[in-house]
C-alpha atoms as a PDB file:
ATOM      1  CA  UNK A   1      -9.375  -6.846  16.294  1.00  0.00           C
ATOM      2  CA  UNK A   2     -10.682  -3.257  16.913  1.00  0.00           C
ATOM      3  CA  UNK A   3     -11.154  -1.120  13.927  1.00  0.00           C
ATOM      4  CA  UNK A   4     -12.601   2.364  13.395  1.00  0.00           C
ATOM      5  CA  UNK A   5     -13.165   4.999  10.602  1.00  0.00           C
ATOM      6  CA  UNK A   6     -11.262   8.258  11.115  1.00  0.00           C
ATOM      7  CA  UNK A   7     -11.155  11.900   9.440  1.00  0.00           C
ATOM      8  CA  UNK A   8      -7.577  13.024   8.776  1.00  0.00           C
ATOM      9  CA  UNK A   9      -6.919  16.756   8.130  1.00  0.00           C
ATOM     10  CA  UNK A  10      -5.171  17.678   5.079  1.00  0.00           C
ATOM     11  CA  UNK A  11      -4.379  20.794   3.193  1.00  0.00           C
ATOM     12  CA  UNK A  12      -7.693  20.021   1.149  1.00  0.00           C
ATOM     13  CA  UNK A  13      -9.919  19.126   3.509  1.00  0.00           C
ATOM     14  CA  UNK A  14     -10.913  15.961   5.796  1.00  0.00           C
ATOM     15  CA  UNK A  15      -9.747  12.734   4.455  1.00  0.00           C
ATOM     16  CA  UNK A  16     -11.608   9.714   5.717  1.00  0.00           C
ATOM     17  CA  UNK A  17      -9.663   6.587   6.549  1.00  0.00           C
ATOM     18  CA  UNK A  18      -9.941   3.269   8.239  1.00  0.00           C
ATOM     19  CA  UNK A  19      -7.861   1.884  11.102  1.00  0.00           C
ATOM     20  CA  UNK A  20      -7.244  -1.332  12.598  1.00  0.00           C
ATOM     21  CA  UNK A  21      -4.926  -2.350  15.189  1.00  0.00           C
ATOM     22  CA  UNK A  22      -4.335  -5.141  18.232  1.00  0.00           C
ATOM     23  CA  UNK A  23      -6.888  -5.365  21.015  1.00  0.00           C
ATOM     24  CA  UNK A  24      -3.995  -5.458  23.641  1.00  0.00           C
ATOM     25  CA  UNK A  25      -3.878  -1.772  25.090  1.00  0.00           C
ATOM     26  CA  UNK A  26      -0.312  -1.667  24.078  1.00  0.00           C
ATOM     27  CA  UNK A  27       1.360   0.543  21.389  1.00  0.00           C
ATOM     28  CA  UNK A  28       2.486  -0.912  18.014  1.00  0.00           C
ATOM     29  CA  UNK A  29       4.504   0.214  15.009  1.00  0.00           C
ATOM     30  CA  UNK A  30       2.387   1.957  12.557  1.00  0.00           C
ATOM     31  CA  UNK A  31       2.034   1.044   8.644  1.00  0.00           C
ATOM     32  CA  UNK A  32       0.264   3.572   6.261  1.00  0.00           C
ATOM     33  CA  UNK A  33      -1.620   1.054   3.600  1.00  0.00           C
ATOM     34  CA  UNK A  34      -2.958   2.536   0.200  1.00  0.00           C
ATOM     35  CA  UNK A  35      -5.596   0.928  -1.549  1.00  0.00           C
ATOM     36  CA  UNK A  36      -5.337  -0.338  -5.118  1.00  0.00           C
ATOM     37  CA  UNK A  37      -7.176   2.283  -7.870  1.00  0.00           C
ATOM     38  CA  UNK A  38     -10.593   0.497  -6.821  1.00  0.00           C
ATOM     39  CA  UNK A  39     -10.518   2.570  -3.478  1.00  0.00           C
ATOM     40  CA  UNK A  40     -11.045   1.823   0.202  1.00  0.00           C
ATOM     41  CA  UNK A  41     -13.829  -1.085   0.433  1.00  0.00           C
ATOM     42  CA  UNK A  42     -14.369  -4.385   2.193  1.00  0.00           C
ATOM     43  CA  UNK A  43     -11.497  -6.250   0.814  1.00  0.00           C
ATOM     44  CA  UNK A  44      -9.061  -3.577   1.734  1.00  0.00           C
ATOM     45  CA  UNK A  45     -10.384  -3.537   5.312  1.00  0.00           C
ATOM     46  CA  UNK A  46      -9.833  -7.147   5.523  1.00  0.00           C
ATOM     47  CA  UNK A  47      -6.305  -6.877   4.136  1.00  0.00           C
ATOM     48  CA  UNK A  48      -5.634  -4.245   7.128  1.00  0.00           C
ATOM     49  CA  UNK A  49      -7.206  -6.286   9.534  1.00  0.00           C
ATOM     50  CA  UNK A  50      -4.975  -9.285   8.628  1.00  0.00           C
ATOM     51  CA  UNK A  51      -1.646  -7.006   8.620  1.00  0.00           C
ATOM     52  CA  UNK A  52      -2.826  -5.482  12.069  1.00  0.00           C
ATOM     53  CA  UNK A  53      -3.382  -9.081  13.595  1.00  0.00           C
ATOM     54  CA  UNK A  54       0.352  -9.722  13.110  1.00  0.00           C
ATOM     55  CA  UNK A  55       1.103  -6.581  15.579  1.00  0.00           C
ATOM     56  CA  UNK A  56       0.616  -3.310  13.935  1.00  0.00           C
ATOM     57  CA  UNK A  57      -1.442  -0.064  13.590  1.00  0.00           C
ATOM     58  CA  UNK A  58      -2.655  -0.108  10.203  1.00  0.00           C
ATOM     59  CA  UNK A  59      -3.933   3.181   8.549  1.00  0.00           C
ATOM     60  CA  UNK A  60      -5.678   3.100   5.275  1.00  0.00           C
ATOM     61  CA  UNK A  61      -6.719   6.584   3.931  1.00  0.00           C
ATOM     62  CA  UNK A  62      -9.317   6.946   1.236  1.00  0.00           C
ATOM     63  CA  UNK A  63      -6.902   8.833  -1.107  1.00  0.00           C
ATOM     64  CA  UNK A  64      -9.884   9.680  -3.490  1.00  0.00           C
ATOM     65  CA  UNK A  65     -11.287  11.980  -0.522  1.00  0.00           C
ATOM     66  CA  UNK A  66     -11.238  14.810  -2.814  1.00  0.00           C
ATOM     67  CA  UNK A  67     -14.014  13.246  -4.936  1.00  0.00           C
ATOM     68  CA  UNK A  68     -16.230  12.279  -1.781  1.00  0.00           C
ATOM     69  CA  UNK A  69     -15.840   9.547   1.404  1.00  0.00           C
ATOM     70  CA  UNK A  70     -15.545   6.097   0.613  1.00  0.00           C
ATOM     71  CA  UNK A  71     -17.142   4.256  -1.155  1.00  0.00           C
ATOM     72  CA  UNK A  72     -16.234   6.942  -3.546  1.00  0.00           C
ATOM     73  CA  UNK A  73     -17.949   4.643  -6.362  1.00  0.00           C
ATOM     74  CA  UNK A  74     -20.541   2.150  -6.301  1.00  0.00           C
ATOM     75  CA  UNK A  75     -18.493  -1.087  -7.020  1.00  0.00           C
ATOM     76  CA  UNK A  76     -19.975  -4.265  -8.152  1.00  0.00           C
ATOM     77  CA  UNK A  77     -19.467  -6.953  -5.240  1.00  0.00           C
ATOM     78  CA  UNK A  78     -17.202  -8.965  -7.627  1.00  0.00           C
ATOM     79  CA  UNK A  79     -15.265  -7.336 -10.493  1.00  0.00           C
ATOM     80  CA  UNK A  80     -14.909  -9.591 -13.613  1.00  0.00           C
ATOM     81  CA  UNK A  81     -14.234  -9.241 -17.314  1.00  0.00           C
ATOM     82  CA  UNK A  82     -17.635  -7.773 -17.776  1.00  0.00           C
ATOM     83  CA  UNK A  83     -17.601  -5.085 -15.035  1.00  0.00           C
ATOM     84  CA  UNK A  84     -13.810  -4.086 -15.562  1.00  0.00           C
ATOM     85  CA  UNK A  85     -14.439  -1.501 -18.300  1.00  0.00           C
ATOM     86  CA  UNK A  86     -17.206   0.368 -16.703  1.00  0.00           C
ATOM     87  CA  UNK A  87     -15.308   0.518 -13.331  1.00  0.00           C
ATOM     88  CA  UNK A  88     -12.239   1.594 -14.916  1.00  0.00           C
ATOM     89  CA  UNK A  89     -13.908   4.245 -16.915  1.00  0.00           C
ATOM     90  CA  UNK A  90     -14.853   5.774 -13.587  1.00  0.00           C
ATOM     91  CA  UNK A  91     -11.325   5.235 -11.771  1.00  0.00           C
ATOM     92  CA  UNK A  92      -8.980   6.539 -14.405  1.00  0.00           C
ATOM     93  CA  UNK A  93      -9.938   9.993 -14.142  1.00  0.00           C
ATOM     94  CA  UNK A  94      -9.512   9.895 -10.430  1.00  0.00           C
ATOM     95  CA  UNK A  95      -6.162   8.577 -10.717  1.00  0.00           C
ATOM     96  CA  UNK A  96      -5.115  10.869 -13.184  1.00  0.00           C
ATOM     97  CA  UNK A  97      -5.951  13.706 -11.086  1.00  0.00           C
ATOM     98  CA  UNK A  98      -4.043  12.492  -8.093  1.00  0.00           C
ATOM     99  CA  UNK A  99      -0.704  14.157  -9.133  1.00  0.00           C
ATOM    100  CA  UNK A 100       2.768  13.248  -7.658  1.00  0.00           C
ATOM    101  CA  UNK A 101       2.376  16.379  -5.898  1.00  0.00           C
ATOM    102  CA  UNK A 102      -0.868  15.726  -3.936  1.00  0.00           C
ATOM    103  CA  UNK A 103       0.212  12.326  -3.237  1.00  0.00           C
ATOM    104  CA  UNK A 104       3.294  13.732  -1.437  1.00  0.00           C
ATOM    105  CA  UNK A 105       0.953  16.528   0.230  1.00  0.00           C
ATOM    106  CA  UNK A 106      -1.417  13.808   1.681  1.00  0.00           C
ATOM    107  CA  UNK A 107       1.511  11.734   2.730  1.00  0.00           C
ATOM    108  CA  UNK A 108       2.779  14.487   5.048  1.00  0.00           C
ATOM    109  CA  UNK A 109      -1.010  14.637   6.562  1.00  0.00           C
ATOM    110  CA  UNK A 110      -1.146  10.706   6.861  1.00  0.00           C
ATOM    111  CA  UNK A 111       2.076  10.061   8.432  1.00  0.00           C
ATOM    112  CA  UNK A 112       1.532  12.974  10.971  1.00  0.00           C
ATOM    113  CA  UNK A 113      -1.934  11.640  11.822  1.00  0.00           C
ATOM    114  CA  UNK A 114      -0.646   7.992  12.101  1.00  0.00           C
ATOM    115  CA  UNK A 115       2.582   9.089  14.393  1.00  0.00           C
ATOM    116  CA  UNK A 116      -0.114  10.986  16.845  1.00  0.00           C
ATOM    117  CA  UNK A 117      -2.437   7.922  17.332  1.00  0.00           C
ATOM    118  CA  UNK A 118      -2.234   6.802  20.835  1.00  0.00           C
ATOM    119  CA  UNK A 119      -2.029   3.216  19.908  1.00  0.00           C
ATOM    120  CA  UNK A 120       1.376   3.982  17.655  1.00  0.00           C
ATOM    121  CA  UNK A 121       4.557   3.595  19.178  1.00  0.00           C
ATOM    122  CA  UNK A 122       7.169   6.242  18.448  1.00  0.00           C
ATOM    123  CA  UNK A 123       9.735   5.159  15.706  1.00  0.00           C
ATOM    124  CA  UNK A 124       9.731   4.611  12.103  1.00  0.00           C
ATOM    125  CA  UNK A 125       6.896   3.304  10.077  1.00  0.00           C
ATOM    126  CA  UNK A 126       6.044   0.912   7.367  1.00  0.00           C
ATOM    127  CA  UNK A 127       4.469   1.851   3.999  1.00  0.00           C
ATOM    128  CA  UNK A 128       2.558  -0.416   1.435  1.00  0.00           C
ATOM    129  CA  UNK A 129       0.199  -0.438  -1.274  1.00  0.00           C
ATOM    130  CA  UNK A 130      -1.451  -2.276  -3.860  1.00  0.00           C
ATOM    131  CA  UNK A 131      -1.647  -1.086  -7.836  1.00  0.00           C
ATOM    132  CA  UNK A 132      -1.647   2.527  -7.890  1.00  0.00           C
ATOM    133  CA  UNK A 133      -1.315   2.512  -4.125  1.00  0.00           C
ATOM    134  CA  UNK A 134       2.140   0.938  -4.363  1.00  0.00           C
ATOM    135  CA  UNK A 135       3.383   3.842  -6.479  1.00  0.00           C
ATOM    136  CA  UNK A 136       1.692   6.154  -3.781  1.00  0.00           C
ATOM    137  CA  UNK A 137       3.843   4.068  -1.059  1.00  0.00           C
ATOM    138  CA  UNK A 138       6.851   4.306  -3.048  1.00  0.00           C
ATOM    139  CA  UNK A 139       6.436   8.124  -3.432  1.00  0.00           C
ATOM    140  CA  UNK A 140       5.732   8.493   0.437  1.00  0.00           C
ATOM    141  CA  UNK A 141       8.845   6.572   1.160  1.00  0.00           C
ATOM    142  CA  UNK A 142      10.978   9.092  -0.778  1.00  0.00           C
ATOM    143  CA  UNK A 143       9.492  12.321   0.497  1.00  0.00           C
ATOM    144  CA  UNK A 144      10.037  10.898   3.944  1.00  0.00           C
ATOM    145  CA  UNK A 145      13.263   8.961   4.085  1.00  0.00           C
ATOM    146  CA  UNK A 146      13.672   9.623   7.791  1.00  0.00           C
ATOM    147  CA  UNK A 147      10.392   8.333   8.846  1.00  0.00           C
ATOM    148  CA  UNK A 148       9.752   5.340   6.455  1.00  0.00           C
ATOM    149  CA  UNK A 149      11.971   2.131   7.320  1.00  0.00           C
ATOM    150  CA  UNK A 150      10.068  -0.116   5.009  1.00  0.00           C
ATOM    151  CA  UNK A 151       8.087   0.130   1.779  1.00  0.00           C
ATOM    152  CA  UNK A 152       6.158  -2.483  -0.236  1.00  0.00           C
ATOM    153  CA  UNK A 153       4.172  -2.542  -3.401  1.00  0.00           C
ATOM    154  CA  UNK A 154       2.275  -5.329  -5.190  1.00  0.00           C
ATOM    155  CA  UNK A 155       1.389  -5.523  -8.751  1.00  0.00           C
ATOM    156  CA  UNK A 156       2.410  -1.563  -8.682  1.00  0.00           C
ATOM    157  CA  UNK A 157       3.800   0.606 -11.422  1.00  0.00           C
ATOM    158  CA  UNK A 158       6.987   1.420  -9.557  1.00  0.00           C
ATOM    159  CA  UNK A 159       9.105   2.387 -12.406  1.00  0.00           C
ATOM    160  CA  UNK A 160       6.841   5.359 -13.189  1.00  0.00           C
ATOM    161  CA  UNK A 161       8.312   6.642  -9.834  1.00  0.00           C
ATOM    162  CA  UNK A 162      11.543   7.436 -11.877  1.00  0.00           C
ATOM    163  CA  UNK A 163      15.021   7.557 -10.790  1.00  0.00           C
ATOM    164  CA  UNK A 164      14.911  10.619  -9.045  1.00  0.00           C
ATOM    165  CA  UNK A 165      12.374   9.779  -6.640  1.00  0.00           C
ATOM    166  CA  UNK A 166      13.559   6.070  -6.254  1.00  0.00           C
ATOM    167  CA  UNK A 167      17.224   7.606  -5.245  1.00  0.00           C
ATOM    168  CA  UNK A 168      15.760   9.510  -2.281  1.00  0.00           C
ATOM    169  CA  UNK A 169      14.460   5.832  -0.819  1.00  0.00           C
ATOM    170  CA  UNK A 170      16.603   4.731   2.164  1.00  0.00           C
ATOM    171  CA  UNK A 171      13.734   2.168   3.586  1.00  0.00           C
ATOM    172  CA  UNK A 172      14.166  -1.669   2.839  1.00  0.00           C
ATOM    173  CA  UNK A 173      11.699  -2.540  -0.068  1.00  0.00           C
ATOM    174  CA  UNK A 174      10.098  -5.258  -1.732  1.00  0.00           C
ATOM    175  CA  UNK A 175       8.182  -5.111  -4.772  1.00  0.00           C
ATOM    176  CA  UNK A 176       5.830  -8.134  -5.915  1.00  0.00           C
ATOM    177  CA  UNK A 177       4.943  -8.013  -9.577  1.00  0.00           C
ATOM    178  CA  UNK A 178       2.047  -9.726 -11.658  1.00  0.00           C
ATOM    179  CA  UNK A 179       3.318 -12.177 -14.190  1.00  0.00           C
ATOM    180  CA  UNK A 180       0.826 -10.294 -16.224  1.00  0.00           C
ATOM    181  CA  UNK A 181       2.575  -6.926 -15.812  1.00  0.00           C
ATOM    182  CA  UNK A 182       6.226  -7.324 -16.214  1.00  0.00           C
ATOM    183  CA  UNK A 183       8.572  -9.987 -18.530  1.00  0.00           C
ATOM    184  CA  UNK A 184      11.719 -11.568 -17.173  1.00  0.00           C
ATOM    185  CA  UNK A 185      13.219  -9.020 -19.221  1.00  0.00           C
ATOM    186  CA  UNK A 186      11.153  -5.747 -18.042  1.00  0.00           C
ATOM    187  CA  UNK A 187      11.706  -7.201 -14.298  1.00  0.00           C
ATOM    188  CA  UNK A 188      15.710  -6.979 -15.135  1.00  0.00           C
ATOM    189  CA  UNK A 189      15.285  -3.508 -16.460  1.00  0.00           C
ATOM    190  CA  UNK A 190      13.509  -2.257 -13.241  1.00  0.00           C
ATOM    191  CA  UNK A 191      15.841  -4.080 -10.892  1.00  0.00           C
ATOM    192  CA  UNK A 192      18.899  -2.535 -12.712  1.00  0.00           C
ATOM    193  CA  UNK A 193      17.446   0.859 -12.237  1.00  0.00           C
ATOM    194  CA  UNK A 194      16.507   0.254  -8.730  1.00  0.00           C
ATOM    195  CA  UNK A 195      19.975  -0.997  -7.809  1.00  0.00           C
ATOM    196  CA  UNK A 196      21.124   2.056  -9.910  1.00  0.00           C
ATOM    197  CA  UNK A 197      19.070   4.295  -7.571  1.00  0.00           C
ATOM    198  CA  UNK A 198      20.505   2.612  -4.390  1.00  0.00           C
ATOM    199  CA  UNK A 199      17.367   0.865  -3.145  1.00  0.00           C
ATOM    200  CA  UNK A 200      17.888  -1.806  -0.836  1.00  0.00           C
ATOM    201  CA  UNK A 201      15.142  -4.352  -2.096  1.00  0.00           C
ATOM    202  CA  UNK A 202      13.877  -7.382  -3.288  1.00  0.00           C
ATOM    203  CA  UNK A 203      11.625  -7.515  -6.446  1.00  0.00           C
ATOM    204  CA  UNK A 204      10.311 -10.401  -8.161  1.00  0.00           C
ATOM    205  CA  UNK A 205       7.657 -11.805 -10.367  1.00  0.00           C
ATOM    206  CA  UNK A 206       5.087 -13.874  -8.789  1.00  0.00           C
ATOM    207  CA  UNK A 207       4.515 -16.801 -10.998  1.00  0.00           C
ATOM    208  CA  UNK A 208       1.085 -17.500 -12.480  1.00  0.00           C
ATOM    209  CA  UNK A 209      -0.248 -13.908 -11.502  1.00  0.00           C
ATOM    210  CA  UNK A 210      -2.318 -11.591 -12.999  1.00  0.00           C
ATOM    211  CA  UNK A 211      -2.792  -7.576 -12.208  1.00  0.00           C
ATOM    212  CA  UNK A 212      -4.863  -7.324  -8.855  1.00  0.00           C
ATOM    213  CA  UNK A 213      -4.008 -10.725  -7.809  1.00  0.00           C
ATOM    214  CA  UNK A 214      -4.324  -9.779  -4.051  1.00  0.00           C
ATOM    215  CA  UNK A 215      -7.830  -8.643  -4.323  1.00  0.00           C
ATOM    216  CA  UNK A 216     -10.286 -11.445  -3.628  1.00  0.00           C
ATOM    217  CA  UNK A 217     -13.244  -9.149  -5.129  1.00  0.00           C
ATOM    218  CA  UNK A 218     -11.739  -9.151  -8.389  1.00  0.00           C
ATOM    219  CA  UNK A 219     -11.307 -11.979 -11.245  1.00  0.00           C
ATOM    220  CA  UNK A 220      -7.448 -11.500 -10.847  1.00  0.00           C
ATOM    221  CA  UNK A 221      -7.385 -12.628  -7.441  1.00  0.00           C
ATOM    222  CA  UNK A 222      -4.815 -15.536  -6.846  1.00  0.00           C
ATOM    223  CA  UNK A 223      -4.447 -17.397  -3.326  1.00  0.00           C
ATOM    224  CA  UNK A 224      -1.131 -18.590  -3.840  1.00  0.00           C
ATOM    225  CA  UNK A 225      -0.035 -14.659  -4.951  1.00  0.00           C
ATOM    226  CA  UNK A 226      -1.706 -13.321  -1.684  1.00  0.00           C
ATOM    227  CA  UNK A 227       0.155 -15.836   0.562  1.00  0.00           C
ATOM    228  CA  UNK A 228       3.438 -15.149  -1.161  1.00  0.00           C
ATOM    229  CA  UNK A 229       2.666 -11.443  -0.695  1.00  0.00           C
ATOM    230  CA  UNK A 230       2.152 -12.021   3.355  1.00  0.00           C
ATOM    231  CA  UNK A 231       5.341 -14.168   3.276  1.00  0.00           C
ATOM    232  CA  UNK A 232       7.398 -11.043   1.907  1.00  0.00           C
ATOM    233  CA  UNK A 233       5.684  -8.392   3.575  1.00  0.00           C
ATOM    234  CA  UNK A 234       5.646  -9.521   7.095  1.00  0.00           C
ATOM    235  CA  UNK A 235       9.393 -10.418   7.647  1.00  0.00           C
ATOM    236  CA  UNK A 236      10.157  -7.076   5.850  1.00  0.00           C
ATOM    237  CA  UNK A 237       8.070  -5.125   8.475  1.00  0.00           C
ATOM    238  CA  UNK A 238       9.556  -7.294  11.203  1.00  0.00           C
ATOM    239  CA  UNK A 239      13.180  -6.354  10.352  1.00  0.00           C
ATOM    240  CA  UNK A 240      12.430  -2.909   9.720  1.00  0.00           C
ATOM    241  CA  UNK A 241      10.253  -1.972  12.354  1.00  0.00           C
ATOM    242  CA  UNK A 242      11.595  -4.098  15.284  1.00  0.00           C
ATOM    243  CA  UNK A 243       9.972  -5.827  17.859  1.00  0.00           C
ATOM    244  CA  UNK A 244       8.298  -9.347  18.317  1.00  0.00           C
ATOM    245  CA  UNK A 245       6.135 -10.186  15.350  1.00  0.00           C
ATOM    246  CA  UNK A 246       4.306 -13.006  13.715  1.00  0.00           C
ATOM    247  CA  UNK A 247       5.695 -13.709  10.637  1.00  0.00           C
ATOM    248  CA  UNK A 248       3.481 -16.628   9.365  1.00  0.00           C
ATOM    249  CA  UNK A 249       0.371 -16.067   7.631  1.00  0.00           C
ATOM    250  CA  UNK A 250      -2.474 -16.792   9.743  1.00  0.00           C
END
C-alpha cells in the first residue's frame, strides 16, 4: 500500500499531510480523513492505510499545522488514564484555536488538493473523522455540499455543528457514538435535530464503547467498536462514491 507525506498549500501556509492509496496505477475515489484531537500519528496512518486498501485515495491533513508539523506534540506511545490529563492540557488550547472559520477555510484547500492528485478520480468525495475531526468532517460536508457525497464521524461532537450547519449537508451520513458520550435520550435529541435539518443518516450508539474507541494507542480502544466502524463506513462510501469496492473489514 503506497503512502507518502505531502505539503498542502493553504491560506495560512503549508499543511503537512499523509496520503495512502492502492498500488494498481488506477484512479480511485478520494476520501478526506480528519484525525482525532491527538493529531496525525501512527495509529491514524494505519486507519488511512486500511481504508485505502478498500479502493480509496485517503488524505489525512495535519489540521494543527499552524502549530508545527506532525507530530505537533510528543505523545506517549500509549495514552492511558495517567497520561490523558497532561495530553489534554496540551491539546485543548489548539483545538479551541481551530475555529469553525479556519476549519472551513482549510477544507477548501484540502479538497482542492485532493481533487488535483493524479491518483484521484473525478467525482464526489467522502469525508470522515474521529473525535473533533468528526466535527471537522461535518463542517466540511456542510461547506461543500456539491463535492461531498458521504460524511462520517466517530465518537464526534456532531451536535456542536448546530442546526444551521447541519441543514446544509446533502451527503449521506453515518455517526457512530461512544456509549460514554451519549445516553439513549440524548441520542434521540440529536437524531431529531438531524432529521429536522434534513440530513439523510444513520446515527447510533456503539454498545460498550468509550470516547476514542477507534484509537488503538489509547485505553479507550474497543476492537468490536472499531470493527463496527468499518462495517458502517465502508458500505457508506461504496454507496455514495460508486464503483466496485470491498465492503468487508479485512
